[in-house]
Amino acid sequence: MDDCIFCKIASGSFGTEFLYEDENVVAFKDLSPQAPVHVLVVPKAHYANIIDGVPAEVLASMAKAAEAVAQTCGIDASGFRCIMNTGADAGQTVMHLHMHVLGGAPLGEGLIAKA
């Protein structure tokens, strides 16, 4: 989609540094981190959210990316949280499927990742 910021980032239009990339997804640091480690995993193809007919291989790539990010950022042993918001009421502000990977400190129950 021409006006989708995550489509532009995933395509490399902004020169964003990727912590992980495969044929389906990219992962990069969130511009407004809500934890010491806050990385977004974004499909290269546009899907509005998790219930938008996302192919299994894209979901598998997202899970693989979360694991790789956790290892790269050193939070795989201490623990991390993965969040996918669906719709405005859930805090989704960018209507392109993405997963927040958060960690690096104890995360309270009230943490809500928005984007």
PDB file of N, CA and C in Angstrom:
ATOM      1  N   MET A   1       0.849  -1.182   0.000  1.00  0.00           N
ATOM      2  CA  MET A   1       0.000   0.000   0.000  1.00  0.00           C
ATOM      3  C   MET A   1       0.889   1.238   0.000  1.00  0.00           C
ATOM      4  N   ASP A   2       0.597   2.147  -0.886  1.00  0.00           N
ATOM      5  CA  ASP A   2       1.452   3.318  -1.089  1.00  0.00           C
ATOM      6  C   ASP A   2       1.570   4.239   0.112  1.00  0.00           C
ATOM      7  N   ASP A   3       0.537   4.326   0.944  1.00  0.00           N
ATOM      8  CA  ASP A   3       0.559   5.270   2.060  1.00  0.00           C
ATOM      9  C   ASP A   3       0.852   4.609   3.408  1.00  0.00           C
ATOM     10  N   CYS A   4       1.163   3.335   3.419  1.00  0.00           N
ATOM     11  CA  CYS A   4       1.407   2.614   4.668  1.00  0.00           C
ATOM     12  C   CYS A   4       2.866   2.763   5.085  1.00  0.00           C
ATOM     13  N   ILE A   5       3.091   3.335   6.254  1.00  0.00           N
ATOM     14  CA  ILE A   5       4.444   3.573   6.752  1.00  0.00           C
ATOM     15  C   ILE A   5       5.214   2.266   6.939  1.00  0.00           C
ATOM     16  N   PHE A   6       4.535   1.203   7.417  1.00  0.00           N
ATOM     17  CA  PHE A   6       5.235  -0.063   7.626  1.00  0.00           C
ATOM     18  C   PHE A   6       5.568  -0.744   6.302  1.00  0.00           C
ATOM     19  N   CYS A   7       4.739  -0.575   5.286  1.00  0.00           N
ATOM     20  CA  CYS A   7       5.080  -1.091   3.954  1.00  0.00           C
ATOM     21  C   CYS A   7       6.339  -0.410   3.442  1.00  0.00           C
ATOM     22  N   LYS A   8       6.427   0.902   3.651  1.00  0.00           N
ATOM     23  CA  LYS A   8       7.594   1.658   3.197  1.00  0.00           C
ATOM     24  C   LYS A   8       8.854   1.238   3.951  1.00  0.00           C
ATOM     25  N   ILE A   9       8.747   1.073   5.265  1.00  0.00           N
ATOM     26  CA  ILE A   9       9.894   0.642   6.063  1.00  0.00           C
ATOM     27  C   ILE A   9      10.330  -0.752   5.627  1.00  0.00           C
ATOM     28  N   ALA A  10       9.372  -1.678   5.508  1.00  0.00           N
ATOM     29  CA  ALA A  10       9.692  -3.063   5.155  1.00  0.00           C
ATOM     30  C   ALA A  10      10.326  -3.176   3.767  1.00  0.00           C
ATOM     31  N   SER A  11       9.979  -2.263   2.871  1.00  0.00           N
ATOM     32  CA  SER A  11      10.540  -2.299   1.519  1.00  0.00           C
ATOM     33  C   SER A  11      11.933  -1.692   1.454  1.00  0.00           C
ATOM     34  N   GLY A  12      12.373  -1.073   2.558  1.00  0.00           N
ATOM     35  CA  GLY A  12      13.694  -0.463   2.597  1.00  0.00           C
ATOM     36  C   GLY A  12      13.723   0.989   2.169  1.00  0.00           C
ATOM     37  N   SER A  13      12.569   1.587   1.971  1.00  0.00           N
ATOM     38  CA  SER A  13      12.492   2.966   1.479  1.00  0.00           C
ATOM     39  C   SER A  13      13.164   3.986   2.391  1.00  0.00           C
ATOM     40  N   PHE A  14      13.233   3.709   3.690  1.00  0.00           N
ATOM     41  CA  PHE A  14      13.789   4.677   4.632  1.00  0.00           C
ATOM     42  C   PHE A  14      15.193   4.317   5.107  1.00  0.00           C
ATOM     43  N   GLY A  15      15.714   3.190   4.658  1.00  0.00           N
ATOM     44  CA  GLY A  15      17.043   2.779   5.103  1.00  0.00           C
ATOM     45  C   GLY A  15      17.083   2.367   6.567  1.00  0.00           C
ATOM     46  N   THR A  16      15.953   1.934   7.091  1.00  0.00           N
ATOM     47  CA  THR A  16      15.867   1.504   8.487  1.00  0.00           C
ATOM     48  C   THR A  16      16.772   0.298   8.719  1.00  0.00           C
ATOM     49  N   GLU A  17      17.482   0.302   9.841  1.00  0.00           N
ATOM     50  CA  GLU A  17      18.328  -0.840  10.191  1.00  0.00           C
ATOM     51  C   GLU A  17      17.449  -1.988  10.671  1.00  0.00           C
ATOM     52  N   PHE A  18      17.596  -3.140  10.044  1.00  0.00           N
ATOM     53  CA  PHE A  18      16.827  -4.314  10.429  1.00  0.00           C
ATOM     54  C   PHE A  18      17.657  -5.189  11.361  1.00  0.00           C
ATOM     55  N   LEU A  19      17.042  -5.605  12.456  1.00  0.00           N
ATOM     56  CA  LEU A  19      17.682  -6.549  13.369  1.00  0.00           C
ATOM     57  C   LEU A  19      17.508  -7.974  12.871  1.00  0.00           C
ATOM     58  N   TYR A  20      16.493  -8.166  12.014  1.00  0.00           N
ATOM     59  CA  TYR A  20      16.203  -9.476  11.432  1.00  0.00           C
ATOM     60  C   TYR A  20      15.481  -9.242  10.120  1.00  0.00           C
ATOM     61  N   GLU A  21      15.755 -10.114   9.154  1.00  0.00           N
ATOM     62  CA  GLU A  21      15.025 -10.069   7.894  1.00  0.00           C
ATOM     63  C   GLU A  21      15.037 -11.448   7.257  1.00  0.00           C
ATOM     64  N   ASP A  22      13.891 -11.852   6.724  1.00  0.00           N
ATOM     65  CA  ASP A  22      13.817 -13.031   5.874  1.00  0.00           C
ATOM     66  C   ASP A  22      12.902 -12.695   4.701  1.00  0.00           C
ATOM     67  N   GLU A  23      12.473 -13.679   3.955  1.00  0.00           N
ATOM     68  CA  GLU A  23      11.671 -13.407   2.765  1.00  0.00           C
ATOM     69  C   GLU A  23      10.285 -12.840   3.082  1.00  0.00           C
ATOM     70  N   ASN A  24       9.819 -13.008   4.325  1.00  0.00           N
ATOM     71  CA  ASN A  24       8.468 -12.588   4.695  1.00  0.00           C
ATOM     72  C   ASN A  24       8.371 -11.387   5.624  1.00  0.00           C
ATOM     73  N   VAL A  25       9.374 -11.174   6.478  1.00  0.00           N
ATOM     74  CA  VAL A  25       9.273 -10.160   7.532  1.00  0.00           C
ATOM     75  C   VAL A  25      10.582  -9.404   7.725  1.00  0.00           C
ATOM     76  N   VAL A  26      10.462  -8.264   8.391  1.00  0.00           N
ATOM     77  CA  VAL A  26      11.612  -7.516   8.885  1.00  0.00           C
ATOM     78  C   VAL A  26      11.358  -7.188  10.360  1.00  0.00           C
ATOM     79  N   ALA A  27      12.432  -6.917  11.098  1.00  0.00           N
ATOM     80  CA  ALA A  27      12.314  -6.509  12.502  1.00  0.00           C
ATOM     81  C   ALA A  27      13.226  -5.312  12.721  1.00  0.00           C
ATOM     82  N   PHE A  28      12.697  -4.309  13.422  1.00  0.00           N
ATOM     83  CA  PHE A  28      13.453  -3.079  13.661  1.00  0.00           C
ATOM     84  C   PHE A  28      13.028  -2.466  14.989  1.00  0.00           C
ATOM     85  N   LYS A  29      13.876  -1.611  15.542  1.00  0.00           N
ATOM     86  CA  LYS A  29      13.591  -0.976  16.832  1.00  0.00           C
ATOM     87  C   LYS A  29      12.418  -0.015  16.704  1.00  0.00           C
ATOM     88  N   ASP A  30      11.558  -0.024  17.718  1.00  0.00           N
ATOM     89  CA  ASP A  30      10.425   0.902  17.781  1.00  0.00           C
ATOM     90  C   ASP A  30      10.943   2.311  18.062  1.00  0.00           C
ATOM     91  N   LEU A  31      10.369   3.300  17.382  1.00  0.00           N
ATOM     92  CA  LEU A  31      10.794   4.690  17.581  1.00  0.00           C
ATOM     93  C   LEU A  31      10.360   5.264  18.927  1.00  0.00           C
ATOM     94  N   SER A  32       9.335   4.673  19.531  1.00  0.00           N
ATOM     95  CA  SER A  32       8.856   5.120  20.846  1.00  0.00           C
ATOM     96  C   SER A  32       8.850   3.931  21.794  1.00  0.00           C
ATOM     97  N   PRO A  33      10.022   3.482  22.216  1.00  0.00           N
ATOM     98  CA  PRO A  33      10.090   2.257  23.020  1.00  0.00           C
ATOM     99  C   PRO A  33       9.365   2.378  24.354  1.00  0.00           C
ATOM    100  N   GLN A  34       8.695   1.294  24.710  1.00  0.00           N
ATOM    101  CA  GLN A  34       7.970   1.216  25.975  1.00  0.00           C
ATOM    102  C   GLN A  34       8.619   0.232  26.934  1.00  0.00           C
ATOM    103  N   ALA A  35       9.799  -0.250  26.576  1.00  0.00           N
ATOM    104  CA  ALA A  35      10.611  -1.144  27.402  1.00  0.00           C
ATOM    105  C   ALA A  35      12.057  -0.977  26.927  1.00  0.00           C
ATOM    106  N   PRO A  36      13.030  -1.420  27.728  1.00  0.00           N
ATOM    107  CA  PRO A  36      14.424  -1.295  27.290  1.00  0.00           C
ATOM    108  C   PRO A  36      14.667  -1.928  25.913  1.00  0.00           C
ATOM    109  N   VAL A  37      14.021  -3.047  25.645  1.00  0.00           N
ATOM    110  CA  VAL A  37      14.032  -3.647  24.314  1.00  0.00           C
ATOM    111  C   VAL A  37      12.613  -3.561  23.784  1.00  0.00           C
ATOM    112  N   HIS A  38      12.440  -2.905  22.651  1.00  0.00           N
ATOM    113  CA  HIS A  38      11.118  -2.801  22.006  1.00  0.00           C
ATOM    114  C   HIS A  38      11.354  -2.833  20.501  1.00  0.00           C
ATOM    115  N   VAL A  39      11.075  -3.983  19.927  1.00  0.00           N
ATOM    116  CA  VAL A  39      11.319  -4.228  18.511  1.00  0.00           C
ATOM    117  C   VAL A  39       9.996  -4.589  17.849  1.00  0.00           C
ATOM    118  N   LEU A  40       9.809  -4.113  16.627  1.00  0.00           N
ATOM    119  CA  LEU A  40       8.619  -4.449  15.848  1.00  0.00           C
ATOM    120  C   LEU A  40       8.987  -5.476  14.789  1.00  0.00           C
ATOM    121  N   VAL A  41       8.150  -6.501  14.662  1.00  0.00           N
ATOM    122  CA  VAL A  41       8.276  -7.503  13.604  1.00  0.00           C
ATOM    123  C   VAL A  41       7.128  -7.242  12.640  1.00  0.00           C
ATOM    124  N   VAL A  42       7.468  -6.955  11.376  1.00  0.00           N
ATOM    125  CA  VAL A  42       6.492  -6.484  10.393  1.00  0.00           C
ATOM    126  C   VAL A  42       6.572  -7.323   9.116  1.00  0.00           C
ATOM    127  N   PRO A  43       5.433  -7.869   8.666  1.00  0.00           N
ATOM    128  CA  PRO A  43       5.455  -8.569   7.376  1.00  0.00           C
ATOM    129  C   PRO A  43       5.779  -7.602   6.231  1.00  0.00           C
ATOM    130  N   LYS A  44       6.463  -8.118   5.221  1.00  0.00           N
ATOM    131  CA  LYS A  44       6.762  -7.315   4.041  1.00  0.00           C
ATOM    132  C   LYS A  44       5.500  -7.066   3.220  1.00  0.00           C
ATOM    133  N   ALA A  45       4.599  -8.038   3.185  1.00  0.00           N
ATOM    134  CA  ALA A  45       3.315  -7.868   2.495  1.00  0.00           C
ATOM    135  C   ALA A  45       2.335  -7.189   3.458  1.00  0.00           C
ATOM    136  N   HIS A  46       1.390  -6.460   2.910  1.00  0.00           N
ATOM    137  CA  HIS A  46       0.446  -5.730   3.753  1.00  0.00           C
ATOM    138  C   HIS A  46      -0.726  -6.613   4.177  1.00  0.00           C
ATOM    139  N   TYR A  47      -0.898  -6.722   5.487  1.00  0.00           N
ATOM    140  CA  TYR A  47      -2.068  -7.331   6.116  1.00  0.00           C
ATOM    141  C   TYR A  47      -2.492  -6.339   7.182  1.00  0.00           C
ATOM    142  N   ALA A  48      -3.779  -6.075   7.291  1.00  0.00           N
ATOM    143  CA  ALA A  48      -4.249  -5.080   8.252  1.00  0.00           C
ATOM    144  C   ALA A  48      -4.005  -5.525   9.688  1.00  0.00           C
ATOM    145  N   ASN A  49      -4.196  -6.813   9.959  1.00  0.00           N
ATOM    146  CA  ASN A  49      -4.062  -7.333  11.318  1.00  0.00           C
ATOM    147  C   ASN A  49      -4.010  -8.855  11.270  1.00  0.00           C
ATOM    148  N   ILE A  50      -3.991  -9.481  12.417  1.00  0.00           N
ATOM    149  CA  ILE A  50      -3.822 -10.932  12.533  1.00  0.00           C
ATOM    150  C   ILE A  50      -4.990 -11.717  11.929  1.00  0.00           C
ATOM    151  N   ILE A  51      -6.153 -11.095  11.756  1.00  0.00           N
ATOM    152  CA  ILE A  51      -7.309 -11.807  11.200  1.00  0.00           C
ATOM    153  C   ILE A  51      -7.582 -11.416   9.746  1.00  0.00           C
ATOM    154  N   ASP A  52      -6.542 -10.966   9.059  1.00  0.00           N
ATOM    155  CA  ASP A  52      -6.667 -10.521   7.673  1.00  0.00           C
ATOM    156  C   ASP A  52      -6.139 -11.571   6.684  1.00  0.00           C
ATOM    157  N   GLY A  53      -6.393 -12.844   6.954  1.00  0.00           N
ATOM    158  CA  GLY A  53      -5.988 -13.899   6.031  1.00  0.00           C
ATOM    159  C   GLY A  53      -4.490 -14.062   5.890  1.00  0.00           C
ATOM    160  N   VAL A  54      -3.771 -13.922   6.976  1.00  0.00           N
ATOM    161  CA  VAL A  54      -2.310 -13.998   6.961  1.00  0.00           C
ATOM    162  C   VAL A  54      -1.884 -15.449   6.725  1.00  0.00           C
ATOM    163  N   PRO A  55      -1.057 -15.693   5.700  1.00  0.00           N
ATOM    164  CA  PRO A  55      -0.602 -17.054   5.429  1.00  0.00           C
ATOM    165  C   PRO A  55       0.224 -17.626   6.589  1.00  0.00           C
ATOM    166  N   ALA A  56       0.159 -18.929   6.753  1.00  0.00           N
ATOM    167  CA  ALA A  56       0.872 -19.603   7.837  1.00  0.00           C
ATOM    168  C   ALA A  56       2.365 -19.345   7.779  1.00  0.00           C
ATOM    169  N   GLU A  57       2.934 -19.259   6.569  1.00  0.00           N
ATOM    170  CA  GLU A  57       4.382 -19.051   6.467  1.00  0.00           C
ATOM    171  C   GLU A  57       4.785 -17.661   6.956  1.00  0.00           C
ATOM    172  N   VAL A  58       3.898 -16.685   6.840  1.00  0.00           N
ATOM    173  CA  VAL A  58       4.196 -15.346   7.358  1.00  0.00           C
ATOM    174  C   VAL A  58       4.152 -15.368   8.886  1.00  0.00           C
ATOM    175  N   LEU A  59       3.155 -16.034   9.445  1.00  0.00           N
ATOM    176  CA  LEU A  59       3.075 -16.151  10.905  1.00  0.00           C
ATOM    177  C   LEU A  59       4.279 -16.916  11.453  1.00  0.00           C
ATOM    178  N   ALA A  60       4.703 -17.957  10.753  1.00  0.00           N
ATOM    179  CA  ALA A  60       5.880 -18.713  11.178  1.00  0.00           C
ATOM    180  C   ALA A  60       7.130 -17.824  11.129  1.00  0.00           C
ATOM    181  N   SER A  61       7.243 -16.997  10.104  1.00  0.00           N
ATOM    182  CA  SER A  61       8.376 -16.064  10.023  1.00  0.00           C
ATOM    183  C   SER A  61       8.342 -15.061  11.162  1.00  0.00           C
ATOM    184  N   MET A  62       7.152 -14.620  11.547  1.00  0.00           N
ATOM    185  CA  MET A  62       7.043 -13.682  12.666  1.00  0.00           C
ATOM    186  C   MET A  62       7.538 -14.328  13.957  1.00  0.00           C
ATOM    187  N   ALA A  63       7.167 -15.583  14.173  1.00  0.00           N
ATOM    188  CA  ALA A  63       7.619 -16.298  15.372  1.00  0.00           C
ATOM    189  C   ALA A  63       9.133 -16.498  15.340  1.00  0.00           C
ATOM    190  N   LYS A  64       9.663 -16.866  14.192  1.00  0.00           N
ATOM    191  CA  LYS A  64      11.110 -17.044  14.050  1.00  0.00           C
ATOM    192  C   LYS A  64      11.839 -15.725  14.293  1.00  0.00           C
ATOM    193  N   ALA A  65      11.287 -14.636  13.796  1.00  0.00           N
ATOM    194  CA  ALA A  65      11.885 -13.318  14.005  1.00  0.00           C
ATOM    195  C   ALA A  65      11.886 -12.944  15.480  1.00  0.00           C
ATOM    196  N   ALA A  66      10.795 -13.228  16.186  1.00  0.00           N
ATOM    197  CA  ALA A  66      10.734 -12.925  17.622  1.00  0.00           C
ATOM    198  C   ALA A  66      11.827 -13.675  18.371  1.00  0.00           C
ATOM    199  N   GLU A  67      12.035 -14.939  18.016  1.00  0.00           N
ATOM    200  CA  GLU A  67      13.092 -15.724  18.647  1.00  0.00           C
ATOM    201  C   GLU A  67      14.469 -15.130  18.347  1.00  0.00           C
ATOM    202  N   ALA A  68      14.707 -14.782  17.089  1.00  0.00           N
ATOM    203  CA  ALA A  68      16.003 -14.212  16.697  1.00  0.00           C
ATOM    204  C   ALA A  68      16.254 -12.871  17.383  1.00  0.00           C
ATOM    205  N   VAL A  69      15.232 -12.030  17.450  1.00  0.00           N
ATOM    206  CA  VAL A  69      15.356 -10.728  18.114  1.00  0.00           C
ATOM    207  C   VAL A  69      15.670 -10.920  19.599  1.00  0.00           C
ATOM    208  N   ALA A  70      14.960 -11.844  20.252  1.00  0.00           N
ATOM    209  CA  ALA A  70      15.201 -12.103  21.676  1.00  0.00           C
ATOM    210  C   ALA A  70      16.640 -12.539  21.913  1.00  0.00           C
ATOM    211  N   GLN A  71      17.152 -13.399  21.037  1.00  0.00           N
ATOM    212  CA  GLN A  71      18.543 -13.847  21.171  1.00  0.00           C
ATOM    213  C   GLN A  71      19.512 -12.707  20.904  1.00  0.00           C
ATOM    214  N   THR A  72      19.287 -11.959  19.834  1.00  0.00           N
ATOM    215  CA  THR A  72      20.173 -10.848  19.469  1.00  0.00           C
ATOM    216  C   THR A  72      20.222  -9.789  20.563  1.00  0.00           C
ATOM    217  N   CYS A  73      19.074  -9.517  21.162  1.00  0.00           N
ATOM    218  CA  CYS A  73      18.976  -8.460  22.183  1.00  0.00           C
ATOM    219  C   CYS A  73      19.260  -8.971  23.588  1.00  0.00           C
ATOM    220  N   GLY A  74      19.531 -10.267  23.735  1.00  0.00           N
ATOM    221  CA  GLY A  74      19.896 -10.831  25.031  1.00  0.00           C
ATOM    222  C   GLY A  74      18.756 -10.959  26.016  1.00  0.00           C
ATOM    223  N   ILE A  75      17.528 -11.118  25.518  1.00  0.00           N
ATOM    224  CA  ILE A  75      16.378 -11.256  26.422  1.00  0.00           C
ATOM    225  C   ILE A  75      15.737 -12.641  26.335  1.00  0.00           C
ATOM    226  N   ASP A  76      16.364 -13.545  25.592  1.00  0.00           N
ATOM    227  CA  ASP A  76      15.789 -14.881  25.430  1.00  0.00           C
ATOM    228  C   ASP A  76      15.762 -15.655  26.745  1.00  0.00           C
ATOM    229  N   ALA A  77      16.762 -15.502  27.581  1.00  0.00           N
ATOM    230  CA  ALA A  77      16.804 -16.234  28.846  1.00  0.00           C
ATOM    231  C   ALA A  77      15.987 -15.557  29.937  1.00  0.00           C
ATOM    232  N   SER A  78      15.979 -14.231  29.978  1.00  0.00           N
ATOM    233  CA  SER A  78      15.285 -13.503  31.050  1.00  0.00           C
ATOM    234  C   SER A  78      13.786 -13.401  30.815  1.00  0.00           C
ATOM    235  N   GLY A  79      13.381 -13.453  29.562  1.00  0.00           N
ATOM    236  CA  GLY A  79      11.956 -13.399  29.239  1.00  0.00           C
ATOM    237  C   GLY A  79      11.594 -12.163  28.434  1.00  0.00           C
ATOM    238  N   PHE A  80      10.542 -12.302  27.659  1.00  0.00           N
ATOM    239  CA  PHE A  80      10.072 -11.209  26.805  1.00  0.00           C
ATOM    240  C   PHE A  80       8.591 -11.401  26.526  1.00  0.00           C
ATOM    241  N   ARG A  81       7.979 -10.355  26.020  1.00  0.00           N
ATOM    242  CA  ARG A  81       6.548 -10.365  25.713  1.00  0.00           C
ATOM    243  C   ARG A  81       6.368 -10.056  24.229  1.00  0.00           C
ATOM    244  N   CYS A  82       5.439 -10.773  23.596  1.00  0.00           N
ATOM    245  CA  CYS A  82       5.051 -10.500  22.211  1.00  0.00           C
ATOM    246  C   CYS A  82       3.595 -10.053  22.216  1.00  0.00           C
ATOM    247  N   ILE A  83       3.334  -8.932  21.542  1.00  0.00           N
ATOM    248  CA  ILE A  83       1.984  -8.368  21.509  1.00  0.00           C
ATOM    249  C   ILE A  83       1.614  -8.048  20.070  1.00  0.00           C
ATOM    250  N   MET A  84       0.391  -8.441  19.679  1.00  0.00           N
ATOM    251  CA  MET A  84      -0.179  -8.040  18.388  1.00  0.00           C
ATOM    252  C   MET A  84      -1.532  -7.417  18.673  1.00  0.00           C
ATOM    253  N   ASN A  85      -1.654  -6.129  18.445  1.00  0.00           N
ATOM    254  CA  ASN A  85      -2.925  -5.429  18.643  1.00  0.00           C
ATOM    255  C   ASN A  85      -3.754  -5.540  17.365  1.00  0.00           C
ATOM    256  N   THR A  86      -5.070  -5.651  17.536  1.00  0.00           N
ATOM    257  CA  THR A  86      -5.976  -5.745  16.398  1.00  0.00           C
ATOM    258  C   THR A  86      -7.087  -4.725  16.558  1.00  0.00           C
ATOM    259  N   GLY A  87      -7.002  -3.659  15.787  1.00  0.00           N
ATOM    260  CA  GLY A  87      -8.031  -2.623  15.811  1.00  0.00           C
ATOM    261  C   GLY A  87      -7.736  -1.500  16.790  1.00  0.00           C
ATOM    262  N   ALA A  88      -8.425  -0.398  16.565  1.00  0.00           N
ATOM    263  CA  ALA A  88      -8.206   0.817  17.365  1.00  0.00           C
ATOM    264  C   ALA A  88      -8.484   0.603  18.850  1.00  0.00           C
ATOM    265  N   ASP A  89      -9.531  -0.133  19.193  1.00  0.00           N
ATOM    266  CA  ASP A  89      -9.852  -0.350  20.602  1.00  0.00           C
ATOM    267  C   ASP A  89      -8.770  -1.141  21.337  1.00  0.00           C
ATOM    268  N   ALA A  90      -7.958  -1.876  20.600  1.00  0.00           N
ATOM    269  CA  ALA A  90      -6.867  -2.647  21.201  1.00  0.00           C
ATOM    270  C   ALA A  90      -5.559  -1.868  21.216  1.00  0.00           C
ATOM    271  N   GLY A  91      -5.555  -0.657  20.644  1.00  0.00           N
ATOM    272  CA  GLY A  91      -4.352   0.162  20.633  1.00  0.00           C
ATOM    273  C   GLY A  91      -3.587   0.128  19.326  1.00  0.00           C
ATOM    274  N   GLN A  92      -4.139  -0.516  18.290  1.00  0.00           N
ATOM    275  CA  GLN A  92      -3.454  -0.529  17.001  1.00  0.00           C
ATOM    276  C   GLN A  92      -3.626   0.826  16.330  1.00  0.00           C
ATOM    277  N   THR A  93      -2.506   1.506  16.089  1.00  0.00           N
ATOM    278  CA  THR A  93      -2.557   2.823  15.446  1.00  0.00           C
ATOM    279  C   THR A  93      -2.015   2.791  14.023  1.00  0.00           C
ATOM    280  N   VAL A  94      -1.196   1.794  13.708  1.00  0.00           N
ATOM    281  CA  VAL A  94      -0.746   1.578  12.333  1.00  0.00           C
ATOM    282  C   VAL A  94      -1.449   0.325  11.851  1.00  0.00           C
ATOM    283  N   MET A  95      -2.285   0.471  10.845  1.00  0.00           N
ATOM    284  CA  MET A  95      -3.118  -0.643  10.401  1.00  0.00           C
ATOM    285  C   MET A  95      -2.383  -1.539   9.404  1.00  0.00           C
ATOM    286  N   HIS A  96      -1.251  -2.017   9.865  1.00  0.00           N
ATOM    287  CA  HIS A  96      -0.440  -3.019   9.166  1.00  0.00           C
ATOM    288  C   HIS A  96      -0.033  -3.995  10.257  1.00  0.00           C
ATOM    289  N   LEU A  97      -0.312  -5.276  10.060  1.00  0.00           N
ATOM    290  CA  LEU A  97       0.030  -6.283  11.059  1.00  0.00           C
ATOM    291  C   LEU A  97       1.464  -6.106  11.533  1.00  0.00           C
ATOM    292  N   HIS A  98       1.652  -6.140  12.834  1.00  0.00           N
ATOM    293  CA  HIS A  98       2.986  -6.101  13.406  1.00  0.00           C
ATOM    294  C   HIS A  98       2.957  -6.679  14.813  1.00  0.00           C
ATOM    295  N   MET A  99       4.087  -7.192  15.224  1.00  0.00           N
ATOM    296  CA  MET A  99       4.251  -7.766  16.561  1.00  0.00           C
ATOM    297  C   MET A  99       5.264  -6.929  17.327  1.00  0.00           C
ATOM    298  N   HIS A 100       4.909  -6.567  18.543  1.00  0.00           N
ATOM    299  CA  HIS A 100       5.841  -5.900  19.446  1.00  0.00           C
ATOM    300  C   HIS A 100       6.579  -6.984  20.226  1.00  0.00           C
ATOM    301  N   VAL A 101       7.902  -6.919  20.264  1.00  0.00           N
ATOM    302  CA  VAL A 101       8.715  -7.789  21.109  1.00  0.00           C
ATOM    303  C   VAL A 101       9.328  -6.885  22.160  1.00  0.00           C
ATOM    304  N   LEU A 102       8.941  -7.116  23.426  1.00  0.00           N
ATOM    305  CA  LEU A 102       9.355  -6.246  24.524  1.00  0.00           C
ATOM    306  C   LEU A 102      10.062  -7.040  25.603  1.00  0.00           C
ATOM    307  N   GLY A 103      11.084  -6.440  26.192  1.00  0.00           N
ATOM    308  CA  GLY A 103      11.794  -7.089  27.286  1.00  0.00           C
ATOM    309  C   GLY A 103      12.906  -6.204  27.797  1.00  0.00           C
ATOM    310  N   GLY A 104      13.813  -6.824  28.535  1.00  0.00           N
ATOM    311  CA  GLY A 104      14.955  -6.103  29.077  1.00  0.00           C
ATOM    312  C   GLY A 104      14.749  -5.610  30.491  1.00  0.00           C
ATOM    313  N   ALA A 105      13.575  -5.837  31.052  1.00  0.00           N
ATOM    314  CA  ALA A 105      13.240  -5.445  32.426  1.00  0.00           C
ATOM    315  C   ALA A 105      11.931  -6.151  32.777  1.00  0.00           C
ATOM    316  N   PRO A 106      11.626  -6.268  34.068  1.00  0.00           N
ATOM    317  CA  PRO A 106      10.318  -6.831  34.424  1.00  0.00           C
ATOM    318  C   PRO A 106       9.206  -5.979  33.824  1.00  0.00           C
ATOM    319  N   LEU A 107       8.259  -6.622  33.166  1.00  0.00           N
ATOM    320  CA  LEU A 107       7.169  -5.919  32.499  1.00  0.00           C
ATOM    321  C   LEU A 107       5.910  -6.024  33.357  1.00  0.00           C
ATOM    322  N   GLY A 108       5.342  -4.886  33.695  1.00  0.00           N
ATOM    323  CA  GLY A 108       4.127  -4.870  34.496  1.00  0.00           C
ATOM    324  C   GLY A 108       2.930  -5.371  33.694  1.00  0.00           C
ATOM    325  N   GLU A 109       1.897  -5.747  34.394  1.00  0.00           N
ATOM    326  CA  GLU A 109       0.685  -6.227  33.745  1.00  0.00           C
ATOM    327  C   GLU A 109      -0.009  -5.151  32.936  1.00  0.00           C
ATOM    328  N   GLY A 110       0.205  -3.890  33.272  1.00  0.00           N
ATOM    329  CA  GLY A 110      -0.477  -2.793  32.606  1.00  0.00           C
ATOM    330  C   GLY A 110       0.186  -2.308  31.326  1.00  0.00           C
ATOM    331  N   LEU A 111       1.305  -2.911  30.942  1.00  0.00           N
ATOM    332  CA  LEU A 111       1.987  -2.452  29.735  1.00  0.00           C
ATOM    333  C   LEU A 111       1.147  -2.690  28.509  1.00  0.00           C
ATOM    334  N   ILE A 112       0.888  -1.635  27.766  1.00  0.00           N
ATOM    335  CA  ILE A 112       0.130  -1.716  26.520  1.00  0.00           C
ATOM    336  C   ILE A 112       0.992  -1.127  25.429  1.00  0.00           C
ATOM    337  N   ALA A 113       1.359  -1.942  24.473  1.00  0.00           N
ATOM    338  CA  ALA A 113       2.165  -1.461  23.349  1.00  0.00           C
ATOM    339  C   ALA A 113       1.255  -0.909  22.288  1.00  0.00           C
ATOM    340  N   LYS A 114       1.527   0.308  21.858  1.00  0.00           N
ATOM    341  CA  LYS A 114       0.707   0.939  20.817  1.00  0.00           C
ATOM    342  C   LYS A 114       1.548   1.177  19.579  1.00  0.00           C
ATOM    343  N   ALA A 115       0.927   1.014  18.451  1.00  0.00           N
ATOM    344  CA  ALA A 115       1.476   1.361  17.127  1.00  0.00           C
ATOM    345  C   ALA A 115       0.608   0.712  16.089  1.00  0.00           C
TER     346      ALA A 115
END
